[in-house]
PDB file of N, CA and C in Angstrom:
ATOM      1  N   UNK A   1      61.551 -39.207 -42.227  1.00  0.00           N
ATOM      2  CA  UNK A   1      60.125 -39.470 -42.104  1.00  0.00           C
ATOM      3  C   UNK A   1      59.541 -39.644 -43.502  1.00  0.00           C
ATOM      4  N   UNK A   2      58.890 -40.721 -43.712  1.00  0.00           N
ATOM      5  CA  UNK A   2      58.252 -41.011 -44.991  1.00  0.00           C
ATOM      6  C   UNK A   2      56.789 -40.569 -44.900  1.00  0.00           C
ATOM      7  N   UNK A   3      56.474 -39.456 -45.554  1.00  0.00           N
ATOM      8  CA  UNK A   3      55.096 -38.933 -45.471  1.00  0.00           C
ATOM      9  C   UNK A   3      54.160 -39.581 -46.489  1.00  0.00           C
ATOM     10  N   UNK A   4      54.689 -40.386 -47.356  1.00  0.00           N
ATOM     11  CA  UNK A   4      53.834 -41.017 -48.369  1.00  0.00           C
ATOM     12  C   UNK A   4      52.870 -42.033 -47.767  1.00  0.00           C
ATOM     13  N   UNK A   5      53.161 -42.497 -46.574  1.00  0.00           N
ATOM     14  CA  UNK A   5      52.286 -43.488 -45.935  1.00  0.00           C
ATOM     15  C   UNK A   5      51.213 -42.848 -45.062  1.00  0.00           C
ATOM     16  N   UNK A   6      51.284 -41.518 -44.864  1.00  0.00           N
ATOM     17  CA  UNK A   6      50.310 -40.829 -44.013  1.00  0.00           C
ATOM     18  C   UNK A   6      48.982 -40.658 -44.736  1.00  0.00           C
ATOM     19  N   UNK A   7      47.922 -40.660 -43.971  1.00  0.00           N
ATOM     20  CA  UNK A   7      46.599 -40.403 -44.546  1.00  0.00           C
ATOM     21  C   UNK A   7      46.442 -38.913 -44.773  1.00  0.00           C
ATOM     22  N   UNK A   8      45.397 -38.549 -45.485  1.00  0.00           N
ATOM     23  CA  UNK A   8      45.122 -37.144 -45.745  1.00  0.00           C
ATOM     24  C   UNK A   8      44.902 -36.381 -44.443  1.00  0.00           C
ATOM     25  N   UNK A   9      44.173 -36.978 -43.520  1.00  0.00           N
ATOM     26  CA  UNK A   9      43.915 -36.349 -42.220  1.00  0.00           C
ATOM     27  C   UNK A   9      45.235 -36.140 -41.466  1.00  0.00           C
ATOM     28  N   UNK A  10      46.098 -37.140 -41.484  1.00  0.00           N
ATOM     29  CA  UNK A  10      47.384 -37.038 -40.795  1.00  0.00           C
ATOM     30  C   UNK A  10      48.271 -35.965 -41.439  1.00  0.00           C
ATOM     31  N   UNK A  11      48.236 -35.875 -42.761  1.00  0.00           N
ATOM     32  CA  UNK A  11      49.013 -34.850 -43.462  1.00  0.00           C
ATOM     33  C   UNK A  11      48.533 -33.445 -43.094  1.00  0.00           C
ATOM     34  N   UNK A  12      47.212 -33.264 -43.049  1.00  0.00           N
ATOM     35  CA  UNK A  12      46.672 -31.950 -42.683  1.00  0.00           C
ATOM     36  C   UNK A  12      47.017 -31.593 -41.240  1.00  0.00           C
ATOM     37  N   UNK A  13      46.981 -32.576 -40.361  1.00  0.00           N
ATOM     38  CA  UNK A  13      47.345 -32.360 -38.962  1.00  0.00           C
ATOM     39  C   UNK A  13      48.827 -31.959 -38.861  1.00  0.00           C
ATOM     40  N   UNK A  14      49.640 -32.634 -39.619  1.00  0.00           N
ATOM     41  CA  UNK A  14      51.071 -32.311 -39.655  1.00  0.00           C
ATOM     42  C   UNK A  14      51.286 -30.896 -40.192  1.00  0.00           C
ATOM     43  N   UNK A  15      50.543 -30.557 -41.229  1.00  0.00           N
ATOM     44  CA  UNK A  15      50.636 -29.231 -41.825  1.00  0.00           C
ATOM     45  C   UNK A  15      50.285 -28.148 -40.804  1.00  0.00           C
ATOM     46  N   UNK A  16      49.331 -28.408 -39.938  1.00  0.00           N
ATOM     47  CA  UNK A  16      48.925 -27.454 -38.900  1.00  0.00           C
ATOM     48  C   UNK A  16      50.029 -27.294 -37.851  1.00  0.00           C
ATOM     49  N   UNK A  17      50.767 -28.349 -37.575  1.00  0.00           N
ATOM     50  CA  UNK A  17      51.802 -28.324 -36.545  1.00  0.00           C
ATOM     51  C   UNK A  17      53.104 -27.663 -37.020  1.00  0.00           C
ATOM     52  N   UNK A  18      53.334 -27.677 -38.298  1.00  0.00           N
ATOM     53  CA  UNK A  18      54.603 -27.187 -38.848  1.00  0.00           C
ATOM     54  C   UNK A  18      54.876 -25.711 -38.527  1.00  0.00           C
ATOM     55  N   UNK A  19      53.944 -24.769 -38.735  1.00  0.00           N
ATOM     56  CA  UNK A  19      54.268 -23.364 -38.458  1.00  0.00           C
ATOM     57  C   UNK A  19      54.712 -23.108 -37.012  1.00  0.00           C
ATOM     58  N   UNK A  20      54.013 -23.694 -36.050  1.00  0.00           N
ATOM     59  CA  UNK A  20      54.401 -23.457 -34.659  1.00  0.00           C
ATOM     60  C   UNK A  20      55.747 -24.112 -34.337  1.00  0.00           C
ATOM     61  N   UNK A  21      56.006 -25.248 -34.924  1.00  0.00           N
ATOM     62  CA  UNK A  21      57.293 -25.918 -34.707  1.00  0.00           C
ATOM     63  C   UNK A  21      58.431 -25.113 -35.333  1.00  0.00           C
ATOM     64  N   UNK A  22      58.178 -24.535 -36.508  1.00  0.00           N
ATOM     65  CA  UNK A  22      59.184 -23.678 -37.141  1.00  0.00           C
ATOM     66  C   UNK A  22      59.494 -22.468 -36.269  1.00  0.00           C
ATOM     67  N   UNK A  23      58.465 -21.825 -35.740  1.00  0.00           N
ATOM     68  CA  UNK A  23      58.678 -20.660 -34.866  1.00  0.00           C
ATOM     69  C   UNK A  23      59.476 -21.050 -33.620  1.00  0.00           C
ATOM     70  N   UNK A  24      59.142 -22.187 -33.024  1.00  0.00           N
ATOM     71  CA  UNK A  24      59.839 -22.647 -31.822  1.00  0.00           C
ATOM     72  C   UNK A  24      61.314 -22.920 -32.114  1.00  0.00           C
ATOM     73  N   UNK A  25      61.567 -23.586 -33.226  1.00  0.00           N
ATOM     74  CA  UNK A  25      62.951 -23.919 -33.577  1.00  0.00           C
ATOM     75  C   UNK A  25      63.757 -22.677 -33.957  1.00  0.00           C
ATOM     76  N   UNK A  26      63.134 -21.741 -34.670  1.00  0.00           N
ATOM     77  CA  UNK A  26      63.824 -20.493 -35.016  1.00  0.00           C
ATOM     78  C   UNK A  26      64.194 -19.723 -33.755  1.00  0.00           C
ATOM     79  N   UNK A  27      63.276 -19.652 -32.787  1.00  0.00           N
ATOM     80  CA  UNK A  27      63.552 -18.966 -31.524  1.00  0.00           C
ATOM     81  C   UNK A  27      64.701 -19.650 -30.789  1.00  0.00           C
ATOM     82  N   UNK A  28      64.706 -20.972 -30.768  1.00  0.00           N
ATOM     83  CA  UNK A  28      65.771 -21.714 -30.097  1.00  0.00           C
ATOM     84  C   UNK A  28      67.103 -21.490 -30.804  1.00  0.00           C
ATOM     85  N   UNK A  29      67.085 -21.536 -32.119  1.00  0.00           N
ATOM     86  CA  UNK A  29      68.309 -21.325 -32.897  1.00  0.00           C
ATOM     87  C   UNK A  29      68.859 -19.921 -32.663  1.00  0.00           C
ATOM     88  N   UNK A  30      67.972 -18.938 -32.629  1.00  0.00           N
ATOM     89  CA  UNK A  30      68.375 -17.548 -32.381  1.00  0.00           C
ATOM     90  C   UNK A  30      68.996 -17.424 -30.997  1.00  0.00           C
ATOM     91  N   UNK A  31      68.382 -18.031 -30.012  1.00  0.00           N
ATOM     92  CA  UNK A  31      68.898 -17.999 -28.649  1.00  0.00           C
ATOM     93  C   UNK A  31      70.283 -18.639 -28.569  1.00  0.00           C
ATOM     94  N   UNK A  32      70.447 -19.777 -29.222  1.00  0.00           N
ATOM     95  CA  UNK A  32      71.746 -20.452 -29.240  1.00  0.00           C
ATOM     96  C   UNK A  32      72.814 -19.594 -29.921  1.00  0.00           C
ATOM     97  N   UNK A  33      72.440 -18.960 -31.011  1.00  0.00           N
ATOM     98  CA  UNK A  33      73.384 -18.127 -31.745  1.00  0.00           C
ATOM     99  C   UNK A  33      73.800 -16.919 -30.917  1.00  0.00           C
ATOM    100  N   UNK A  34      72.863 -16.302 -30.225  1.00  0.00           N
ATOM    101  CA  UNK A  34      73.186 -15.156 -29.372  1.00  0.00           C
ATOM    102  C   UNK A  34      74.171 -15.574 -28.284  1.00  0.00           C
ATOM    103  N   UNK A  35      73.958 -16.743 -27.695  1.00  0.00           N
ATOM    104  CA  UNK A  35      74.888 -17.251 -26.673  1.00  0.00           C
ATOM    105  C   UNK A  35      76.286 -17.443 -27.254  1.00  0.00           C
ATOM    106  N   UNK A  36      76.359 -18.005 -28.462  1.00  0.00           N
ATOM    107  CA  UNK A  36      77.654 -18.226 -29.113  1.00  0.00           C
ATOM    108  C   UNK A  36      78.358 -16.901 -29.392  1.00  0.00           C
ATOM    109  N   UNK A  37      77.603 -15.916 -29.900  1.00  0.00           N
ATOM    110  CA  UNK A  37      78.191 -14.611 -30.226  1.00  0.00           C
ATOM    111  C   UNK A  37      78.661 -13.917 -28.951  1.00  0.00           C
ATOM    112  N   UNK A  38      77.858 -13.977 -27.882  1.00  0.00           N
ATOM    113  CA  UNK A  38      78.265 -13.388 -26.602  1.00  0.00           C
ATOM    114  C   UNK A  38      79.565 -14.027 -26.099  1.00  0.00           C
ATOM    115  N   UNK A  39      79.664 -15.350 -26.199  1.00  0.00           N
ATOM    116  CA  UNK A  39      80.864 -16.057 -25.747  1.00  0.00           C
ATOM    117  C   UNK A  39      82.075 -15.653 -26.584  1.00  0.00           C
ATOM    118  N   UNK A  40      81.896 -15.555 -27.895  1.00  0.00           N
ATOM    119  CA  UNK A  40      82.990 -15.160 -28.777  1.00  0.00           C
ATOM    120  C   UNK A  40      83.436 -13.727 -28.471  1.00  0.00           C
ATOM    121  N   UNK A  41      82.475 -12.831 -28.294  1.00  0.00           N
ATOM    122  CA  UNK A  41      82.813 -11.446 -27.961  1.00  0.00           C
ATOM    123  C   UNK A  41      83.543 -11.378 -26.618  1.00  0.00           C
ATOM    124  N   UNK A  42      83.075 -12.151 -25.649  1.00  0.00           N
ATOM    125  CA  UNK A  42      83.700 -12.165 -24.322  1.00  0.00           C
ATOM    126  C   UNK A  42      85.139 -12.659 -24.405  1.00  0.00           C
ATOM    127  N   UNK A  43      85.381 -13.684 -25.230  1.00  0.00           N
ATOM    128  CA  UNK A  43      86.744 -14.202 -25.435  1.00  0.00           C
ATOM    129  C   UNK A  43      87.685 -13.113 -25.922  1.00  0.00           C
ATOM    130  N   UNK A  44      87.149 -12.211 -26.720  1.00  0.00           N
ATOM    131  CA  UNK A  44      87.964 -11.144 -27.306  1.00  0.00           C
ATOM    132  C   UNK A  44      87.944  -9.862 -26.480  1.00  0.00           C
ATOM    133  N   UNK A  45      87.246  -9.893 -25.339  1.00  0.00           N
ATOM    134  CA  UNK A  45      87.238  -8.734 -24.445  1.00  0.00           C
ATOM    135  C   UNK A  45      86.160  -7.713 -24.733  1.00  0.00           C
ATOM    136  N   UNK A  46      85.106  -8.108 -25.419  1.00  0.00           N
ATOM    137  CA  UNK A  46      84.014  -7.203 -25.759  1.00  0.00           C
ATOM    138  C   UNK A  46      82.687  -7.754 -25.265  1.00  0.00           C
ATOM    139  N   UNK A  47      81.667  -6.901 -25.321  1.00  0.00           N
ATOM    140  CA  UNK A  47      80.289  -7.343 -25.144  1.00  0.00           C
ATOM    141  C   UNK A  47      79.586  -7.091 -26.465  1.00  0.00           C
ATOM    142  N   UNK A  48      78.443  -7.699 -26.653  1.00  0.00           N
ATOM    143  CA  UNK A  48      77.676  -7.447 -27.880  1.00  0.00           C
ATOM    144  C   UNK A  48      77.309  -5.970 -27.960  1.00  0.00           C
ATOM    145  N   UNK A  49      76.985  -5.383 -26.820  1.00  0.00           N
ATOM    146  CA  UNK A  49      76.605  -3.977 -26.791  1.00  0.00           C
ATOM    147  C   UNK A  49      77.756  -3.085 -27.265  1.00  0.00           C
ATOM    148  N   UNK A  50      79.003  -3.430 -26.873  1.00  0.00           N
ATOM    149  CA  UNK A  50      80.168  -2.672 -27.351  1.00  0.00           C
ATOM    150  C   UNK A  50      80.241  -2.715 -28.871  1.00  0.00           C
ATOM    151  N   UNK A  51      80.055  -3.896 -29.410  1.00  0.00           N
ATOM    152  CA  UNK A  51      80.169  -4.067 -30.856  1.00  0.00           C
ATOM    153  C   UNK A  51      79.052  -3.351 -31.590  1.00  0.00           C
ATOM    154  N   UNK A  52      77.847  -3.426 -31.086  1.00  0.00           N
ATOM    155  CA  UNK A  52      76.708  -2.802 -31.761  1.00  0.00           C
ATOM    156  C   UNK A  52      76.745  -1.289 -31.666  1.00  0.00           C
ATOM    157  N   UNK A  53      77.195  -0.747 -30.562  1.00  0.00           N
ATOM    158  CA  UNK A  53      77.202   0.705 -30.416  1.00  0.00           C
ATOM    159  C   UNK A  53      78.142   1.345 -31.426  1.00  0.00           C
ATOM    160  N   UNK A  54      79.253   0.688 -31.758  1.00  0.00           N
ATOM    161  CA  UNK A  54      80.176   1.225 -32.751  1.00  0.00           C
ATOM    162  C   UNK A  54      79.550   1.191 -34.134  1.00  0.00           C
ATOM    163  N   UNK A  55      78.825   0.135 -34.451  1.00  0.00           N
ATOM    164  CA  UNK A  55      78.162   0.042 -35.747  1.00  0.00           C
ATOM    165  C   UNK A  55      77.093   1.113 -35.876  1.00  0.00           C
ATOM    166  N   UNK A  56      76.374   1.390 -34.803  1.00  0.00           N
ATOM    167  CA  UNK A  56      75.329   2.410 -34.846  1.00  0.00           C
ATOM    168  C   UNK A  56      75.929   3.786 -35.066  1.00  0.00           C
ATOM    169  N   UNK A  57      77.102   4.049 -34.482  1.00  0.00           N
ATOM    170  CA  UNK A  57      77.763   5.341 -34.684  1.00  0.00           C
ATOM    171  C   UNK A  57      78.155   5.517 -36.146  1.00  0.00           C
ATOM    172  N   UNK A  58      78.607   4.437 -36.781  1.00  0.00           N
ATOM    173  CA  UNK A  58      78.960   4.510 -38.196  1.00  0.00           C
ATOM    174  C   UNK A  58      77.727   4.785 -39.046  1.00  0.00           C
ATOM    175  N   UNK A  59      76.611   4.152 -38.689  1.00  0.00           N
ATOM    176  CA  UNK A  59      75.381   4.346 -39.450  1.00  0.00           C
ATOM    177  C   UNK A  59      74.890   5.782 -39.354  1.00  0.00           C
ATOM    178  N   UNK A  60      75.127   6.450 -38.237  1.00  0.00           N
ATOM    179  CA  UNK A  60      74.691   7.831 -38.072  1.00  0.00           C
ATOM    180  C   UNK A  60      75.421   8.745 -39.047  1.00  0.00           C
ATOM    181  N   UNK A  61      76.666   8.408 -39.393  1.00  0.00           N
ATOM    182  CA  UNK A  61      77.432   9.212 -40.326  1.00  0.00           C
ATOM    183  C   UNK A  61      76.936   9.076 -41.753  1.00  0.00           C
ATOM    184  N   UNK A  62      76.246   7.993 -42.057  1.00  0.00           N
ATOM    185  CA  UNK A  62      75.809   7.718 -43.420  1.00  0.00           C
ATOM    186  C   UNK A  62      74.925   8.831 -43.960  1.00  0.00           C
ATOM    187  N   UNK A  63      74.041   9.373 -43.148  1.00  0.00           N
ATOM    188  CA  UNK A  63      73.112  10.387 -43.615  1.00  0.00           C
ATOM    189  C   UNK A  63      73.612  11.810 -43.490  1.00  0.00           C
ATOM    190  N   UNK A  64      74.866  12.018 -43.074  1.00  0.00           N
ATOM    191  CA  UNK A  64      75.356  13.379 -42.881  1.00  0.00           C
ATOM    192  C   UNK A  64      75.558  14.076 -44.227  1.00  0.00           C
ATOM    193  N   UNK A  65      75.424  15.398 -44.214  1.00  0.00           N
ATOM    194  CA  UNK A  65      75.549  16.169 -45.445  1.00  0.00           C
ATOM    195  C   UNK A  65      77.011  16.377 -45.803  1.00  0.00           C
ATOM    196  N   UNK A  66      77.259  16.482 -47.103  1.00  0.00           N
ATOM    197  CA  UNK A  66      78.592  16.733 -47.615  1.00  0.00           C
ATOM    198  C   UNK A  66      78.769  18.245 -47.750  1.00  0.00           C
ATOM    199  N   UNK A  67      79.949  18.723 -47.373  1.00  0.00           N
ATOM    200  CA  UNK A  67      80.235  20.153 -47.431  1.00  0.00           C
ATOM    201  C   UNK A  67      80.230  20.653 -48.880  1.00  0.00           C
ATOM    202  N   UNK A  68      79.713  21.844 -49.083  1.00  0.00           N
ATOM    203  CA  UNK A  68      79.683  22.465 -50.414  1.00  0.00           C
ATOM    204  C   UNK A  68      81.106  22.844 -50.801  1.00  0.00           C
ATOM    205  N   UNK A  69      81.468  22.500 -52.023  1.00  0.00           N
ATOM    206  CA  UNK A  69      82.823  22.752 -52.483  1.00  0.00           C
ATOM    207  C   UNK A  69      82.875  23.863 -53.543  1.00  0.00           C
ATOM    208  N   UNK A  70      81.801  23.980 -54.328  1.00  0.00           N
ATOM    209  CA  UNK A  70      81.773  24.975 -55.401  1.00  0.00           C
ATOM    210  C   UNK A  70      80.501  25.806 -55.306  1.00  0.00           C
ATOM    211  N   UNK A  71      80.621  27.115 -55.620  1.00  0.00           N
ATOM    212  CA  UNK A  71      79.469  28.007 -55.600  1.00  0.00           C
ATOM    213  C   UNK A  71      79.523  28.901 -56.838  1.00  0.00           C
ATOM    214  N   UNK A  72      78.374  29.130 -57.449  1.00  0.00           N
ATOM    215  CA  UNK A  72      78.270  29.991 -58.629  1.00  0.00           C
ATOM    216  C   UNK A  72      78.657  31.417 -58.220  1.00  0.00           C
ATOM    217  N   UNK A  73      79.470  32.104 -59.045  1.00  0.00           N
ATOM    218  CA  UNK A  73      79.939  33.439 -58.653  1.00  0.00           C
ATOM    219  C   UNK A  73      78.841  34.517 -58.604  1.00  0.00           C
ATOM    220  N   UNK A  74      77.798  34.392 -59.419  1.00  0.00           N
ATOM    221  CA  UNK A  74      76.736  35.389 -59.408  1.00  0.00           C
ATOM    222  C   UNK A  74      75.502  34.948 -58.616  1.00  0.00           C
ATOM    223  N   UNK A  75      75.232  33.669 -58.551  1.00  0.00           N
ATOM    224  CA  UNK A  75      74.035  33.160 -57.864  1.00  0.00           C
ATOM    225  C   UNK A  75      74.460  32.202 -56.748  1.00  0.00           C
ATOM    226  N   UNK A  76      74.450  32.684 -55.512  1.00  0.00           N
ATOM    227  CA  UNK A  76      74.921  31.903 -54.365  1.00  0.00           C
ATOM    228  C   UNK A  76      74.040  30.691 -54.079  1.00  0.00           C
ATOM    229  N   UNK A  77      72.840  30.656 -54.650  1.00  0.00           N
ATOM    230  CA  UNK A  77      71.960  29.507 -54.440  1.00  0.00           C
ATOM    231  C   UNK A  77      72.423  28.281 -55.224  1.00  0.00           C
ATOM    232  N   UNK A  78      73.234  28.489 -56.250  1.00  0.00           N
ATOM    233  CA  UNK A  78      73.738  27.382 -57.063  1.00  0.00           C
ATOM    234  C   UNK A  78      75.037  26.878 -56.457  1.00  0.00           C
ATOM    235  N   UNK A  79      74.986  25.670 -55.905  1.00  0.00           N
ATOM    236  CA  UNK A  79      76.158  25.074 -55.276  1.00  0.00           C
ATOM    237  C   UNK A  79      76.337  23.645 -55.755  1.00  0.00           C
ATOM    238  N   UNK A  80      77.533  23.112 -55.483  1.00  0.00           N
ATOM    239  CA  UNK A  80      77.841  21.738 -55.840  1.00  0.00           C
ATOM    240  C   UNK A  80      78.885  21.208 -54.870  1.00  0.00           C
ATOM    241  N   UNK A  81      78.726  19.966 -54.450  1.00  0.00           N
ATOM    242  CA  UNK A  81      79.664  19.355 -53.504  1.00  0.00           C
ATOM    243  C   UNK A  81      80.900  18.810 -54.199  1.00  0.00           C
ATOM    244  N   UNK A  82      80.857  18.697 -55.502  1.00  0.00           N
ATOM    245  CA  UNK A  82      81.965  18.110 -56.238  1.00  0.00           C
ATOM    246  C   UNK A  82      81.784  16.616 -56.437  1.00  0.00           C
ATOM    247  N   UNK A  83      80.674  16.104 -55.956  1.00  0.00           N
ATOM    248  CA  UNK A  83      80.384  14.679 -56.100  1.00  0.00           C
ATOM    249  C   UNK A  83      79.296  14.480 -57.148  1.00  0.00           C
ATOM    250  N   UNK A  84      79.353  13.347 -57.802  1.00  0.00           N
ATOM    251  CA  UNK A  84      78.334  13.036 -58.798  1.00  0.00           C
ATOM    252  C   UNK A  84      78.561  13.818 -60.079  1.00  0.00           C
ATOM    253  N   UNK A  85      77.529  13.870 -60.906  1.00  0.00           N
ATOM    254  CA  UNK A  85      77.623  14.581 -62.185  1.00  0.00           C
ATOM    255  C   UNK A  85      77.703  16.079 -61.950  1.00  0.00           C
ATOM    256  N   UNK A  86      78.382  16.739 -62.845  1.00  0.00           N
ATOM    257  CA  UNK A  86      78.480  18.194 -62.755  1.00  0.00           C
ATOM    258  C   UNK A  86      77.115  18.797 -63.089  1.00  0.00           C
ATOM    259  N   UNK A  87      76.670  19.766 -62.290  1.00  0.00           N
ATOM    260  CA  UNK A  87      75.407  20.443 -62.622  1.00  0.00           C
ATOM    261  C   UNK A  87      75.560  21.240 -63.923  1.00  0.00           C
ATOM    262  N   UNK A  88      74.442  21.572 -64.510  1.00  0.00           N
ATOM    263  CA  UNK A  88      74.448  22.324 -65.785  1.00  0.00           C
ATOM    264  C   UNK A  88      75.215  23.634 -65.636  1.00  0.00           C
ATOM    265  N   UNK A  89      75.016  24.336 -64.511  1.00  0.00           N
ATOM    266  CA  UNK A  89      75.683  25.630 -64.349  1.00  0.00           C
ATOM    267  C   UNK A  89      77.204  25.472 -64.308  1.00  0.00           C
ATOM    268  N   UNK A  90      77.706  24.354 -63.766  1.00  0.00           N
ATOM    269  CA  UNK A  90      79.142  24.102 -63.753  1.00  0.00           C
ATOM    270  C   UNK A  90      79.617  23.804 -65.177  1.00  0.00           C
ATOM    271  N   UNK A  91      78.859  22.999 -65.899  1.00  0.00           N
ATOM    272  CA  UNK A  91      79.205  22.703 -67.292  1.00  0.00           C
ATOM    273  C   UNK A  91      79.269  23.989 -68.109  1.00  0.00           C
ATOM    274  N   UNK A  92      78.291  24.853 -67.925  1.00  0.00           N
ATOM    275  CA  UNK A  92      78.259  26.139 -68.650  1.00  0.00           C
ATOM    276  C   UNK A  92      79.463  26.982 -68.260  1.00  0.00           C
ATOM    277  N   UNK A  93      79.769  27.047 -66.991  1.00  0.00           N
ATOM    278  CA  UNK A  93      80.911  27.818 -66.485  1.00  0.00           C
ATOM    279  C   UNK A  93      82.213  27.335 -67.132  1.00  0.00           C
ATOM    280  N   UNK A  94      82.393  26.016 -67.176  1.00  0.00           N
ATOM    281  CA  UNK A  94      83.599  25.450 -67.764  1.00  0.00           C
ATOM    282  C   UNK A  94      83.646  25.669 -69.274  1.00  0.00           C
ATOM    283  N   UNK A  95      82.488  25.596 -69.934  1.00  0.00           N
ATOM    284  CA  UNK A  95      82.418  25.767 -71.393  1.00  0.00           C
ATOM    285  C   UNK A  95      82.743  27.203 -71.800  1.00  0.00           C
ATOM    286  N   UNK A  96      82.497  28.155 -70.909  1.00  0.00           N
ATOM    287  CA  UNK A  96      82.768  29.566 -71.229  1.00  0.00           C
ATOM    288  C   UNK A  96      84.150  30.001 -70.768  1.00  0.00           C
ATOM    289  N   UNK A  97      84.993  29.030 -70.440  1.00  0.00           N
ATOM    290  CA  UNK A  97      86.379  29.357 -70.106  1.00  0.00           C
ATOM    291  C   UNK A  97      86.681  29.426 -68.623  1.00  0.00           C
ATOM    292  N   UNK A  98      85.705  29.212 -67.785  1.00  0.00           N
ATOM    293  CA  UNK A  98      85.953  29.229 -66.342  1.00  0.00           C
ATOM    294  C   UNK A  98      86.646  27.956 -65.879  1.00  0.00           C
ATOM    295  N   UNK A  99      87.196  28.002 -64.693  1.00  0.00           N
ATOM    296  CA  UNK A  99      87.842  26.833 -64.117  1.00  0.00           C
ATOM    297  C   UNK A  99      87.166  26.465 -62.811  1.00  0.00           C
ATOM    298  N   UNK A 100      87.351  25.231 -62.392  1.00  0.00           N
ATOM    299  CA  UNK A 100      86.786  24.806 -61.107  1.00  0.00           C
ATOM    300  C   UNK A 100      87.411  25.589 -59.967  1.00  0.00           C
ATOM    301  N   UNK A 101      88.697  25.935 -60.093  1.00  0.00           N
ATOM    302  CA  UNK A 101      89.351  26.713 -59.042  1.00  0.00           C
ATOM    303  C   UNK A 101      88.708  28.093 -58.895  1.00  0.00           C
ATOM    304  N   UNK A 102      88.149  28.584 -59.993  1.00  0.00           N
ATOM    305  CA  UNK A 102      87.513  29.903 -59.971  1.00  0.00           C
ATOM    306  C   UNK A 102      86.211  29.933 -59.194  1.00  0.00           C
ATOM    307  N   UNK A 103      85.575  28.792 -58.991  1.00  0.00           N
ATOM    308  CA  UNK A 103      84.310  28.762 -58.235  1.00  0.00           C
ATOM    309  C   UNK A 103      84.439  27.979 -56.933  1.00  0.00           C
ATOM    310  N   UNK A 104      85.665  27.646 -56.585  1.00  0.00           N
ATOM    311  CA  UNK A 104      85.919  26.924 -55.349  1.00  0.00           C
ATOM    312  C   UNK A 104      85.552  27.786 -54.150  1.00  0.00           C
ATOM    313  N   UNK A 105      84.884  27.197 -53.177  1.00  0.00           N
ATOM    314  CA  UNK A 105      84.455  27.951 -51.988  1.00  0.00           C
ATOM    315  C   UNK A 105      85.627  28.063 -51.037  1.00  0.00           C
TER     316      UNK A 105
END
């Protein structure tokens, strides 16, 4: 389509039609894609719901807490999972001759 030949009024009218046409086409494309995915899943012996429920179960594990691995010998409130940077109290413990095995829970 050559829009250079359109008048200003025609261009503005076209501009008004574009958003609704985009929404309609996106909805149609989404519907077509869902049909394709359902057919592919069916070919392999699954439903979309089967596939999504497994992904949701994995996502639930993402926020779970990590078990405490180390605890300060005098102050039980000071703990560390062993992940990330060593807390200051662990650094101090190691600097004074302690070992990680000595504070292992």
